[in-house]
Amino acid sequence: ISVIMKTTFLDYINQKQDTGYHQRKHITILYLACAAFVLFGVLISVMTKQFIVDGYSMSPTLKSGQYLAVNRLAYQSNLPERGDLIVFQLPVTSGRDVVKRVIALPGETIEFRSTQVYINGRLLDEPYLPDSCDRDNCPDGIWQTGEDEYFVLGDNRNQSIDSRFFGVIHADTIIGEVMLRYYPFSEFGYPD
């Protein structure tokens, strides 16, 4: 009988120790999950910037009130490409960020001729434009980009203040590339 009681008592002690071990294991996993979540949040805030579209210069691609995630690291190892949607600091108003489309790259000649855009003498194909631009809003003109300079335009040319008015932008003013439209949820995805 004493052997049975001793075995039962030892089993009881082992069960209590196992329960404490499992509780500590669950708490450790919970702490690690919380730490991973916080680290993920910090990484996301360092790598991205939230941007809220204000106005109709990029309509219909982007609409006023939409929330965008902007990749701050997009141009650390790559250069902007023609057609990229970028957020940059407006050169004429300090502190204001805007979103536009990259039209011309460094060292290119941009020409508006009969409301059409030409890059180095070639007509630019722009399937994202909703309407043709009025002559009053898109008068004939020629611009040149220098080293590390970009020419940007809004998709809604009739209602956009862009490089036609404030000139080329320098690479240093670019915050990042639009990578995601996340609100409203019904329009979630990458804007073309």
Protein backbone atom coordinates (compact mmCIF):
# COMPACT_ATOMS: atom_id res chain seq x y z
CA ILE A 1 0.00 0.00 0.00
CA SER A 2 2.78 2.44 0.81
CA VAL A 3 4.34 1.77 -2.60
CA ILE A 4 1.04 2.55 -4.31
CA MET A 5 0.60 5.71 -2.24
CA LYS A 6 4.16 6.77 -2.97
CA THR A 7 3.68 6.21 -6.73
CA THR A 8 0.37 8.05 -6.71
CA PHE A 9 1.89 10.94 -4.75
CA LEU A 10 4.84 11.17 -7.19
CA ASP A 11 2.43 11.10 -10.15
CA TYR A 12 0.46 13.91 -8.52
CA ILE A 13 3.63 16.00 -8.01
CA ASN A 14 4.75 15.39 -11.62
CA GLN A 15 1.33 16.45 -12.91
CA LYS A 16 1.54 19.70 -10.93
CA GLN A 17 5.03 20.36 -12.29
CA ASP A 18 3.90 19.61 -15.86
CA THR A 19 0.93 21.98 -15.51
CA GLY A 20 3.24 24.80 -14.37
CA TYR A 21 5.60 24.05 -17.24
CA HIS A 22 2.76 24.18 -19.78
CA GLN A 23 1.44 27.43 -18.29
CA ARG A 24 4.92 29.01 -18.52
CA LYS A 25 5.24 27.71 -22.07
CA HIS A 26 1.90 29.29 -23.08
CA ILE A 27 2.83 32.61 -21.43
CA THR A 28 6.21 32.59 -23.21
CA ILE A 29 4.51 31.96 -26.56
CA LEU A 30 2.06 34.80 -25.84
CA TYR A 31 4.94 37.19 -25.01
CA LEU A 32 6.80 36.19 -28.18
CA ALA A 33 3.67 36.71 -30.30
CA CYS A 34 3.13 40.17 -28.78
CA ALA A 35 6.78 41.11 -29.35
CA ALA A 36 6.59 39.91 -32.97
CA PHE A 37 3.42 41.97 -33.49
CA VAL A 38 5.06 45.12 -32.07
CA LEU A 39 8.21 44.54 -34.15
CA PHE A 40 6.06 44.05 -37.27
CA GLY A 41 4.26 47.33 -36.53
CA VAL A 42 7.55 49.20 -36.08
CA LEU A 43 8.93 47.77 -39.35
CA ILE A 44 5.77 48.70 -41.24
CA SER A 45 5.87 52.27 -39.89
CA VAL A 46 9.53 52.64 -40.89
CA MET A 47 9.07 51.11 -44.35
CA THR A 48 5.78 52.76 -45.26
CA LYS A 49 3.95 56.04 -44.98
CA GLN A 50 0.21 56.51 -44.85
CA PHE A 51 -1.06 59.01 -47.39
CA ILE A 52 -4.62 60.29 -47.84
CA VAL A 53 -5.52 61.47 -51.33
CA ASP A 54 -6.73 65.07 -51.25
CA GLY A 55 -8.34 66.38 -54.42
CA TYR A 56 -9.11 65.14 -57.90
CA SER A 57 -5.85 65.60 -59.80
CA MET A 58 -5.30 61.82 -60.03
CA SER A 59 -8.91 60.89 -60.78
CA PRO A 60 -10.10 58.30 -61.73
CA THR A 61 -6.96 56.33 -60.75
CA LEU A 62 -7.06 57.75 -57.23
CA LYS A 63 -10.00 59.51 -55.62
CA SER A 64 -10.12 62.08 -52.85
CA GLY A 65 -10.35 60.41 -49.44
CA GLN A 66 -8.63 57.15 -50.41
CA TYR A 67 -5.90 55.87 -48.09
CA LEU A 68 -2.63 54.74 -49.62
CA ALA A 69 0.38 52.86 -48.29
CA VAL A 70 3.57 54.37 -49.69
CA ASN A 71 6.76 52.30 -49.83
CA ARG A 72 9.52 54.54 -48.44
CA LEU A 73 12.22 52.04 -49.42
CA ALA A 74 11.16 51.60 -53.07
CA TYR A 75 13.85 53.89 -54.44
CA GLN A 76 16.71 53.02 -52.09
CA SER A 77 18.11 50.57 -54.63
CA ASN A 78 16.01 51.32 -57.73
CA LEU A 79 15.14 54.50 -59.59
CA PRO A 80 11.60 55.66 -60.33
CA GLU A 81 10.26 54.43 -63.66
CA ARG A 82 7.91 56.08 -66.10
CA GLY A 83 4.34 55.43 -64.99
CA ASP A 84 5.13 54.98 -61.28
CA LEU A 85 2.73 56.62 -58.85
CA ILE A 86 4.85 58.52 -56.34
CA VAL A 87 4.34 60.67 -53.27
CA PHE A 88 6.72 63.60 -52.97
CA GLN A 89 7.08 66.86 -51.15
CA LEU A 90 5.72 69.70 -53.24
CA PRO A 91 8.58 72.03 -54.18
CA VAL A 92 6.52 75.23 -53.97
CA THR A 93 4.80 74.59 -50.63
CA SER A 94 7.02 73.28 -47.88
CA GLY A 95 5.58 70.44 -45.88
CA ARG A 96 2.80 69.40 -48.28
CA ASP A 97 3.00 65.94 -49.80
CA VAL A 98 1.24 65.13 -53.08
CA VAL A 99 0.79 62.12 -55.35
CA LYS A 100 1.44 62.22 -59.11
CA ARG A 101 2.57 59.93 -61.94
CA VAL A 102 6.17 59.91 -63.21
CA ILE A 103 6.11 60.95 -66.87
CA ALA A 104 9.74 61.74 -67.69
CA LEU A 105 13.04 60.51 -66.30
CA PRO A 106 16.37 62.32 -65.87
CA GLY A 107 17.86 63.71 -69.08
CA GLU A 108 14.65 63.65 -71.12
CA THR A 109 12.82 66.31 -73.10
CA ILE A 110 9.09 66.67 -72.48
CA GLU A 111 6.85 68.39 -74.99
CA PHE A 112 3.16 69.19 -74.92
CA ARG A 113 2.00 69.44 -78.51
CA SER A 114 -1.73 69.69 -79.34
CA THR A 115 -2.54 68.46 -75.78
CA GLN A 116 -0.45 65.29 -76.32
CA VAL A 117 2.72 64.44 -74.36
CA TYR A 118 5.93 63.63 -76.25
CA ILE A 119 9.08 62.30 -74.61
CA ASN A 120 12.24 62.85 -76.66
CA GLY A 121 10.04 63.40 -79.72
CA ARG A 122 7.93 60.23 -79.28
CA LEU A 123 4.24 60.27 -78.40
CA LEU A 124 3.68 58.88 -74.91
CA ASP A 125 1.03 56.14 -74.66
CA GLU A 126 -1.15 57.02 -71.65
CA PRO A 127 -4.01 54.51 -71.30
CA TYR A 128 -4.70 55.69 -67.72
CA LEU A 129 -5.97 59.13 -68.83
CA PRO A 130 -9.73 59.53 -68.37
CA ASP A 131 -10.20 62.41 -70.81
CA SER A 132 -8.15 64.38 -73.25
CA CYS A 133 -6.73 67.58 -71.88
CA ASP A 134 -8.24 70.94 -72.88
CA ARG A 135 -5.96 73.31 -74.79
CA ASP A 136 -6.35 75.89 -72.01
CA ASN A 137 -5.04 73.43 -69.42
CA CYS A 138 -2.43 71.78 -71.63
CA PRO A 139 -0.86 74.51 -73.74
CA ASP A 140 2.08 73.67 -75.97
CA GLY A 141 5.37 73.77 -74.11
CA ILE A 142 8.77 72.14 -73.73
CA TRP A 143 10.61 71.11 -70.54
CA GLN A 144 13.92 69.38 -69.90
CA THR A 145 14.84 67.20 -66.92
CA GLY A 146 18.34 67.33 -65.53
CA GLU A 147 20.28 64.81 -63.49
CA ASP A 148 18.15 63.34 -60.67
CA GLU A 149 15.08 65.25 -61.90
CA TYR A 150 11.63 63.94 -62.82
CA PHE A 151 8.62 65.40 -64.61
CA VAL A 152 5.33 64.43 -62.96
CA LEU A 153 1.72 64.89 -64.03
CA GLY A 154 -1.71 64.19 -62.59
CA ASP A 155 -3.94 61.76 -64.47
CA ASN A 156 -6.73 64.33 -64.49
CA ARG A 157 -4.75 66.92 -66.45
CA ASN A 158 -7.62 69.40 -66.56
CA GLN A 159 -7.59 69.68 -62.75
CA SER A 160 -3.98 68.99 -61.82
CA ILE A 161 -1.27 71.29 -60.56
CA ASP A 162 1.88 69.43 -61.57
CA SER A 163 5.27 69.83 -63.28
CA ARG A 164 3.66 71.98 -65.96
CA PHE A 165 3.22 74.62 -63.25
CA PHE A 166 5.88 74.01 -60.57
CA GLY A 167 8.54 72.46 -62.81
CA VAL A 168 10.53 69.28 -62.43
CA ILE A 169 10.99 67.61 -59.05
CA HIS A 170 14.29 66.47 -57.63
CA ALA A 171 14.84 62.87 -56.53
CA ASP A 172 15.48 64.10 -52.96
CA THR A 173 11.85 65.22 -52.64
CA ILE A 174 10.43 61.76 -53.45
CA ILE A 175 9.04 60.05 -50.35
CA GLY A 176 8.20 56.74 -52.01
CA GLU A 177 6.11 54.74 -54.44
CA VAL A 178 2.41 54.06 -53.94
CA MET A 179 2.18 50.35 -53.25
CA LEU A 180 -1.36 49.85 -52.02
CA ARG A 181 -4.75 51.50 -51.80
CA TYR A 182 -6.20 50.09 -48.59
CA TYR A 183 -9.27 52.23 -47.90
CA PRO A 184 -12.09 52.18 -48.73
CA PHE A 185 -11.94 48.41 -48.50
CA SER A 186 -14.13 48.02 -51.59
CA GLU A 187 -11.28 49.55 -53.65
CA PHE A 188 -8.45 47.63 -51.96
CA GLY A 189 -5.48 46.84 -54.22
CA TYR A 190 -2.73 48.36 -56.31
CA PRO A 191 -3.88 51.40 -58.28
CA ASP A 192 -2.71 51.20 -61.90
